[in-house]
Amino acid sequence: MEHSAVIGRLAPSPTGRMHIGNAYAALAAWLGVRSRGGKLILRIEDIDAPRVVRDADRWIMDDLHWLGLDWDGYPVYQSSRLDRYRQILDALRGMTLDDILTQDILQPTVPADGCPDSNGEPHEESPLIYPCFCSRADIRAASAPNEGDGFIVYPGTCRRLSAAERNTRINRGDRYSWRIAVPGRANPVGTIVFDDEVFGPQRIDLGRQVGDVVIRRSDGLFAYQFVVSIDDFDMGVTQIVRGRDLLRSTAIQLWIRRALESVSPAQTSPAASPATAPIPQFAHLPLVDDLSGKRLAKRNRALDLGVLREEGVSPERIIGYCAWMLGLLPQPVPCRPSDLLDGFTWNIIAEHRNDHRCDTQDLLR
């Protein structure tokens, strides 16, 4: 990949103040792009309107400026792109799963594992997008639990419904979401393989490990997996940096990306994205937890940047601490982001892949 082609993104959700874990991920994304002379987009991921906190976008931008993490151009708000998401959904609803399976494969695949198709039906008869009438309780009751990242693999209950059954339930007013179908377990195209800059080669079976995911919720809101896939595709993003808890999300996002490749620009807007876009480079980071081992959350303010700033912690101290957690410094000494550019490589972070426990007192000393 040429240096001039590197396009990364900072993609915060305006659900509260940035915490130290957000700063850690933002620093890694910034270094990944700036060390290669690339372009960095700021995308405010405000798609989940009920969770958006008023003025949180302004707080986030102020914190990024304070830390010395700049971006290029104006911020992009997902809430301004709803028409684009609707256009893509409408285009995909007219396609079958077979339309996607017959396209050229976008990533390496591996031999089929011989397991039966999880939905029990030939893929040729399956719509790519279908309505799902299941409640969360229904899905939990019918699914085997999975470890780690919170994925519950949907058992395909509504995928088995006939078109007549789906229409009957919609017409009588049953509540439903929209799901995107993935290949069954016996189909080699359903195994997504990619190389992560930090965690190395990844092999994820969509049918076995992910399942058909919701792309539009029953309340009408578009789902995260759907909109970020469209955004990254449209914006030509070539480098994606985020936490390791989203490794499995990469597989479904690459599958959605494959579907986007099949959408004709004539089916959407005149400003639609090109027919093809490069597959991004992925770098998933170790997680930052609190002292008890729990994932940092914005509702726990102990490590949010607003509190740390009020306590007199300097931006250089926070950057140095984040760089130390990334393995870029032997000790958490104060520094600026620009001090870390020389010699930055993902290999350094890959050598420090353990999750981190963060102590507020380390920053206040």
Protein backbone atom coordinates (compact mmCIF):
# COMPACT_ATOMS: atom_id res chain seq x y z
CA MET A 1 0.00 0.00 0.00
CA GLU A 2 1.46 3.39 -0.96
CA HIS A 3 1.81 6.00 1.78
CA SER A 4 -0.49 8.39 -0.08
CA ALA A 5 -3.24 5.76 -0.08
CA VAL A 6 -3.47 5.39 3.70
CA ILE A 7 -6.84 6.62 4.99
CA GLY A 8 -7.72 6.00 8.61
CA ARG A 9 -10.51 7.08 10.89
CA LEU A 10 -11.21 8.15 14.42
CA ALA A 11 -14.73 6.92 15.10
CA PRO A 12 -15.93 7.93 18.57
CA SER A 13 -19.50 7.48 19.79
CA PRO A 14 -20.85 10.64 21.48
CA THR A 15 -22.27 8.76 24.46
CA GLY A 16 -20.13 10.51 27.06
CA ARG A 17 -16.67 11.89 27.75
CA MET A 18 -13.61 10.13 26.33
CA HIS A 19 -11.81 7.88 28.83
CA ILE A 20 -8.22 6.69 28.90
CA GLY A 21 -9.07 3.64 26.78
CA ASN A 22 -10.53 5.86 24.06
CA ALA A 23 -7.40 8.03 24.13
CA TYR A 24 -5.23 4.89 23.87
CA ALA A 25 -7.09 3.68 20.76
CA ALA A 26 -7.15 7.16 19.21
CA LEU A 27 -3.39 7.50 19.68
CA ALA A 28 -2.77 4.17 17.93
CA ALA A 29 -5.06 5.13 15.03
CA TRP A 30 -3.38 8.54 14.74
CA LEU A 31 0.11 7.04 14.72
CA GLY A 32 -0.87 4.38 12.19
CA VAL A 33 -1.91 7.07 9.72
CA ARG A 34 0.46 9.95 10.48
CA SER A 35 3.54 7.69 10.49
CA ARG A 36 2.74 6.95 6.84
CA GLY A 37 1.74 10.43 5.75
CA GLY A 38 -1.91 9.49 5.37
CA LYS A 39 -5.31 11.09 5.84
CA LEU A 40 -7.31 10.78 9.06
CA ILE A 41 -11.11 11.16 9.07
CA LEU A 42 -13.11 12.05 12.18
CA ARG A 43 -16.43 10.21 12.08
CA ILE A 44 -18.90 10.85 14.88
CA GLU A 45 -20.83 7.58 15.28
CA ASP A 46 -24.12 8.97 16.53
CA ILE A 47 -26.34 6.38 14.85
CA ASP A 48 -27.79 5.14 18.16
CA ALA A 49 -29.75 8.31 18.88
CA PRO A 50 -31.20 7.30 22.30
CA ARG A 51 -27.68 6.85 23.71
CA VAL A 52 -26.25 10.12 22.36
CA VAL A 53 -25.34 12.62 25.08
CA ARG A 54 -25.85 16.27 24.26
CA ASP A 55 -22.55 18.10 23.58
CA ALA A 56 -20.52 14.87 23.83
CA ASP A 57 -19.29 15.39 20.26
CA ARG A 58 -17.93 18.79 21.26
CA TRP A 59 -16.25 17.31 24.36
CA ILE A 60 -14.64 14.59 22.24
CA MET A 61 -13.26 17.05 19.69
CA ASP A 62 -11.96 19.29 22.46
CA ASP A 63 -10.23 16.33 24.14
CA LEU A 64 -8.65 15.22 20.86
CA HIS A 65 -7.32 18.74 20.24
CA TRP A 66 -6.02 18.89 23.81
CA LEU A 67 -4.19 15.58 23.36
CA GLY A 68 -2.64 16.77 20.09
CA LEU A 69 -4.50 14.25 17.91
CA ASP A 70 -5.59 16.12 14.79
CA TRP A 71 -7.69 14.99 11.83
CA ASP A 72 -8.28 16.13 8.26
CA GLY A 73 -11.35 17.96 7.01
CA TYR A 74 -14.69 18.39 8.73
CA PRO A 75 -16.17 15.77 11.05
CA VAL A 76 -18.66 13.39 9.43
CA TYR A 77 -21.79 12.53 11.42
CA GLN A 78 -23.53 9.22 10.80
CA SER A 79 -26.85 10.92 11.52
CA SER A 80 -26.31 12.96 8.33
CA ARG A 81 -26.04 9.78 6.23
CA LEU A 82 -29.38 8.11 6.94
CA ASP A 83 -30.54 8.44 3.33
CA ARG A 84 -27.44 6.59 2.18
CA TYR A 85 -28.08 3.73 4.61
CA ARG A 86 -31.71 3.49 3.43
CA GLN A 87 -30.59 3.39 -0.21
CA ILE A 88 -28.19 0.54 0.47
CA LEU A 89 -30.76 -1.41 2.49
CA ASP A 90 -33.33 -1.06 -0.31
CA ALA A 91 -30.78 -2.23 -2.88
CA LEU A 92 -29.75 -5.26 -0.81
CA ARG A 93 -33.36 -6.25 -0.15
CA GLY A 94 -33.69 -6.96 -3.86
CA MET A 95 -30.84 -9.48 -3.81
CA THR A 96 -30.54 -13.14 -2.86
CA LEU A 97 -27.73 -14.80 -0.95
CA ASP A 98 -26.76 -16.53 -4.17
CA ASP A 99 -26.15 -13.15 -5.82
CA ILE A 100 -23.32 -12.61 -3.34
CA LEU A 101 -21.98 -16.17 -3.36
CA THR A 102 -21.48 -16.07 -7.12
CA GLN A 103 -19.30 -12.95 -7.01
CA ASP A 104 -15.51 -13.21 -7.13
CA ILE A 105 -14.19 -14.01 -3.66
CA LEU A 106 -12.69 -10.94 -1.98
CA GLN A 107 -10.47 -12.75 0.49
CA PRO A 108 -8.81 -16.19 0.77
CA THR A 109 -11.02 -19.08 1.83
CA VAL A 110 -10.36 -22.49 3.30
CA PRO A 111 -11.88 -25.90 2.56
CA ALA A 112 -15.38 -26.58 3.87
CA ASP A 113 -15.51 -28.24 7.27
CA GLY A 114 -18.29 -30.62 6.27
CA CYS A 115 -20.79 -29.28 8.81
CA PRO A 116 -24.41 -29.06 7.75
CA ASP A 117 -25.84 -25.72 6.72
CA SER A 118 -26.95 -23.91 9.87
CA ASN A 119 -30.25 -22.86 8.32
CA GLY A 120 -31.05 -26.26 6.81
CA GLU A 121 -31.98 -24.79 3.42
CA PRO A 122 -30.18 -24.43 0.09
CA HIS A 123 -28.70 -20.96 -0.16
CA GLU A 124 -30.21 -20.38 -3.63
CA GLU A 125 -33.62 -19.90 -2.04
CA SER A 126 -32.49 -17.49 0.66
CA PRO A 127 -33.02 -13.73 0.41
CA LEU A 128 -29.92 -11.76 1.35
CA ILE A 129 -31.94 -9.52 3.68
CA TYR A 130 -34.94 -10.87 5.57
CA PRO A 131 -37.29 -9.76 8.37
CA CYS A 132 -36.77 -11.32 11.79
CA PHE A 133 -39.67 -11.46 14.24
CA CYS A 134 -37.73 -13.04 17.14
CA SER A 135 -37.38 -11.31 20.49
CA ARG A 136 -34.05 -11.24 22.29
CA ALA A 137 -35.41 -13.83 24.71
CA ASP A 138 -36.32 -16.12 21.80
CA ILE A 139 -32.80 -15.85 20.40
CA ARG A 140 -31.09 -16.46 23.74
CA ALA A 141 -33.25 -19.52 24.39
CA ALA A 142 -32.44 -21.05 21.00
CA SER A 143 -28.72 -20.21 20.86
CA ALA A 144 -25.63 -21.78 22.35
CA PRO A 145 -23.58 -19.27 24.37
CA ASN A 146 -20.32 -17.98 22.90
CA GLU A 147 -17.21 -16.81 24.69
CA GLY A 148 -15.63 -13.42 24.80
CA ASP A 149 -17.16 -10.67 22.76
CA GLY A 150 -20.86 -11.00 23.44
CA PHE A 151 -21.90 -12.49 20.11
CA ILE A 152 -24.93 -14.74 20.30
CA VAL A 153 -25.17 -16.67 17.03
CA TYR A 154 -28.68 -16.35 15.65
CA PRO A 155 -30.15 -19.84 15.00
CA GLY A 156 -31.85 -18.82 11.74
CA THR A 157 -35.44 -19.19 12.94
CA CYS A 158 -36.97 -16.53 10.67
CA ARG A 159 -34.65 -17.34 7.79
CA ARG A 160 -36.65 -20.57 7.40
CA LEU A 161 -39.96 -18.74 6.94
CA SER A 162 -41.51 -18.74 3.49
CA ALA A 163 -42.15 -15.47 1.68
CA ALA A 164 -45.87 -15.93 2.33
CA GLU A 165 -45.29 -16.40 6.07
CA ARG A 166 -43.09 -13.31 6.23
CA ASN A 167 -45.64 -11.18 4.39
CA THR A 168 -48.49 -12.41 6.60
CA ARG A 169 -46.66 -11.46 9.77
CA ILE A 170 -45.62 -8.05 8.42
CA ASN A 171 -49.18 -7.29 7.25
CA ARG A 172 -50.66 -8.13 10.64
CA GLY A 173 -48.30 -5.67 12.31
CA ASP A 174 -45.77 -7.99 13.97
CA ARG A 175 -42.63 -6.17 15.12
CA TYR A 176 -39.51 -7.10 13.17
CA SER A 177 -35.90 -6.24 12.49
CA TRP A 178 -33.90 -6.84 9.30
CA ARG A 179 -31.05 -9.37 9.19
CA ILE A 180 -28.40 -10.09 6.58
CA ALA A 181 -27.91 -13.77 5.74
CA VAL A 182 -24.47 -15.38 5.79
CA PRO A 183 -23.37 -18.63 4.11
CA GLY A 184 -24.02 -21.87 5.95
CA ARG A 185 -21.27 -23.77 7.72
CA ALA A 186 -20.64 -26.08 4.78
CA ASN A 187 -19.84 -23.23 2.38
CA PRO A 188 -16.14 -22.28 2.11
CA VAL A 189 -17.03 -18.74 1.03
CA GLY A 190 -18.40 -18.25 4.54
CA THR A 191 -14.95 -18.52 6.12
CA ILE A 192 -13.40 -15.08 6.35
CA VAL A 193 -9.61 -14.94 6.55
CA PHE A 194 -7.63 -11.77 7.20
CA ASP A 195 -4.29 -10.76 8.70
CA ASP A 196 -4.44 -8.50 11.72
CA GLU A 197 -1.44 -6.24 12.33
CA VAL A 198 -1.45 -7.03 16.05
CA PHE A 199 -3.09 -10.44 16.51
CA GLY A 200 -1.92 -12.05 13.27
CA PRO A 201 -3.86 -14.40 10.95
CA GLN A 202 -7.58 -14.70 11.70
CA ARG A 203 -10.02 -17.33 10.43
CA ILE A 204 -13.70 -16.82 11.25
CA ASP A 205 -16.55 -19.05 10.10
CA LEU A 206 -19.56 -16.78 9.58
CA GLY A 207 -22.14 -19.54 9.86
CA ARG A 208 -20.65 -21.08 13.00
CA GLN A 209 -19.22 -18.08 14.87
CA VAL A 210 -21.27 -15.05 13.78
CA GLY A 211 -24.59 -15.95 12.17
CA ASP A 212 -27.12 -13.68 10.48
CA VAL A 213 -26.81 -10.28 12.17
CA VAL A 214 -29.33 -7.47 12.54
CA ILE A 215 -28.68 -4.54 10.22
CA ARG A 216 -31.80 -2.55 11.07
CA ARG A 217 -33.41 -2.80 14.47
CA SER A 218 -37.10 -3.22 15.15
CA ASP A 219 -37.22 0.40 16.37
CA GLY A 220 -36.06 1.56 12.93
CA LEU A 221 -32.49 2.43 13.91
CA PHE A 222 -29.71 1.11 11.71
CA ALA A 223 -27.26 -1.25 13.40
CA TYR A 224 -23.60 -0.50 14.03
CA GLN A 225 -22.25 -3.36 11.90
CA PHE A 226 -24.21 -2.16 8.87
CA VAL A 227 -23.46 1.56 8.97
CA VAL A 228 -19.74 1.31 9.76
CA SER A 229 -19.31 -1.09 6.84
CA ILE A 230 -20.97 1.39 4.49
CA ASP A 231 -19.04 4.34 5.94
CA ASP A 232 -15.64 2.66 5.66
CA PHE A 233 -16.46 1.56 2.11
CA ASP A 234 -17.72 4.97 0.97
CA MET A 235 -14.90 6.89 2.62
CA GLY A 236 -12.20 4.67 1.15
CA VAL A 237 -10.84 3.77 4.58
CA THR A 238 -7.73 1.62 4.25
CA GLN A 239 -6.70 1.29 7.90
CA ILE A 240 -9.03 0.36 10.78
CA VAL A 241 -7.77 0.46 14.38
CA ARG A 242 -9.95 -0.65 17.31
CA GLY A 243 -10.13 -3.02 20.28
CA ARG A 244 -9.63 -6.77 20.03
CA ASP A 245 -13.22 -7.32 21.19
CA LEU A 246 -14.23 -6.35 17.63
CA LEU A 247 -12.15 -9.02 15.89
CA ARG A 248 -15.23 -11.10 15.17
CA SER A 249 -17.07 -8.01 13.94
CA THR A 250 -14.46 -7.70 11.20
CA ALA A 251 -15.76 -10.89 9.60
CA ILE A 252 -19.36 -9.70 9.29
CA GLN A 253 -18.19 -6.27 8.14
CA LEU A 254 -16.13 -7.88 5.37
CA TRP A 255 -19.23 -9.90 4.41
CA ILE A 256 -21.34 -6.73 4.26
CA ARG A 257 -18.55 -5.14 2.24
CA ARG A 258 -18.80 -8.02 -0.22
CA ALA A 259 -22.51 -7.28 -0.58
CA LEU A 260 -21.72 -3.60 -1.19
CA GLU A 261 -19.42 -4.64 -4.03
CA SER A 262 -22.46 -6.20 -5.70
CA VAL A 263 -24.64 -3.08 -5.53
CA SER A 264 -24.80 -1.15 -8.78
CA PRO A 265 -24.24 2.62 -8.34
CA ALA A 266 -27.41 3.08 -10.40
CA GLN A 267 -29.36 1.46 -7.55
CA THR A 268 -28.31 4.13 -5.08
CA SER A 269 -27.39 7.79 -5.33
CA PRO A 270 -25.32 9.60 -7.98
CA ALA A 271 -22.71 10.13 -5.27
CA ALA A 272 -22.51 6.41 -4.52
CA SER A 273 -19.16 4.84 -3.80
CA PRO A 274 -17.09 3.17 -6.52
CA ALA A 275 -17.81 -0.44 -7.47
CA THR A 276 -14.69 -1.62 -5.66
CA ALA A 277 -12.58 -0.34 -2.79
CA PRO A 278 -9.42 -1.80 -1.26
CA ILE A 279 -9.80 -4.17 1.67
CA PRO A 280 -8.55 -2.26 4.73
CA GLN A 281 -5.59 -3.10 6.91
CA PHE A 282 -6.83 -4.08 10.39
CA ALA A 283 -5.12 -3.51 13.73
CA HIS A 284 -7.00 -4.71 16.80
CA LEU A 285 -5.61 -3.56 20.12
CA PRO A 286 -5.40 -5.19 23.55
CA LEU A 287 -8.16 -3.90 25.82
CA VAL A 288 -7.82 -1.44 28.67
CA ASP A 289 -9.63 -2.49 31.86
CA ASP A 290 -10.03 -0.96 35.28
CA LEU A 291 -8.20 -2.36 38.31
CA SER A 292 -10.91 -4.99 38.88
CA GLY A 293 -10.47 -6.30 35.34
CA LYS A 294 -13.72 -4.82 34.02
CA ARG A 295 -13.83 -3.06 30.66
CA LEU A 296 -13.63 0.72 30.95
CA ALA A 297 -17.00 2.37 30.44
CA LYS A 298 -17.97 6.01 30.02
CA ARG A 299 -20.45 5.72 32.88
CA ASN A 300 -17.49 5.13 35.23
CA ARG A 301 -15.93 8.57 35.31
CA ALA A 302 -12.77 7.77 37.28
CA LEU A 303 -10.64 7.55 34.14
CA ASP A 304 -12.48 9.95 31.84
CA LEU A 305 -10.50 12.81 30.42
CA GLY A 306 -12.74 15.47 31.93
CA VAL A 307 -11.96 14.28 35.44
CA LEU A 308 -8.26 13.82 34.69
CA ARG A 309 -8.04 17.32 33.24
CA GLU A 310 -9.77 18.76 36.32
CA GLU A 311 -7.18 16.96 38.46
CA GLY A 312 -4.41 18.75 36.57
CA VAL A 313 -3.14 15.79 34.54
CA SER A 314 -1.33 17.08 31.44
CA PRO A 315 -2.03 15.83 27.90
CA GLU A 316 1.61 14.77 27.64
CA ARG A 317 1.22 12.55 30.69
CA ILE A 318 -1.84 10.85 29.20
CA ILE A 319 -0.14 10.36 25.83
CA GLY A 320 2.94 8.91 27.51
CA TYR A 321 0.83 6.55 29.60
CA CYS A 322 -1.09 5.37 26.51
CA ALA A 323 2.16 4.94 24.57
CA TRP A 324 3.54 2.83 27.43
CA MET A 325 0.43 0.60 27.36
CA LEU A 326 0.90 0.21 23.59
CA GLY A 327 4.49 -0.92 24.18
CA LEU A 328 5.95 2.15 22.48
CA LEU A 329 7.74 3.40 25.61
CA PRO A 330 9.56 1.39 28.31
CA GLN A 331 8.12 3.67 31.02
CA PRO A 332 5.03 5.95 31.13
CA VAL A 333 6.93 9.21 30.71
CA PRO A 334 5.23 12.37 29.37
CA CYS A 335 5.49 12.96 25.64
CA ARG A 336 3.61 14.36 22.64
CA PRO A 337 2.08 12.25 19.84
CA SER A 338 4.62 13.61 17.37
CA ASP A 339 7.46 12.29 19.56
CA LEU A 340 6.28 8.74 18.81
CA LEU A 341 6.18 8.91 15.01
CA ASP A 342 9.78 7.92 14.30
CA GLY A 343 10.11 4.17 14.33
CA PHE A 344 6.41 3.46 14.88
CA THR A 345 5.41 -0.01 13.64
CA TRP A 346 2.54 -2.35 14.44
CA ASN A 347 5.13 -5.03 15.22
CA ILE A 348 5.96 -3.23 18.47
CA ILE A 349 2.34 -3.34 19.59
CA ALA A 350 2.06 -6.97 18.48
CA GLU A 351 4.82 -7.83 20.97
CA HIS A 352 2.68 -6.41 23.83
CA ARG A 353 -0.68 -8.08 23.27
CA ASN A 354 -1.84 -8.57 26.85
CA ASP A 355 -4.78 -6.53 28.08
CA HIS A 356 -4.01 -3.70 30.49
CA ARG A 357 -5.37 -2.71 33.90
CA CYS A 358 -5.34 1.01 34.43
CA ASP A 359 -4.94 2.66 37.83
CA THR A 360 -6.08 6.27 38.18
CA GLN A 361 -3.32 6.86 40.71
CA ASP A 362 -0.68 6.09 38.08
CA LEU A 363 -1.84 9.18 36.19
CA LEU A 364 -2.21 11.41 39.24
CA ARG A 365 1.22 10.74 40.74
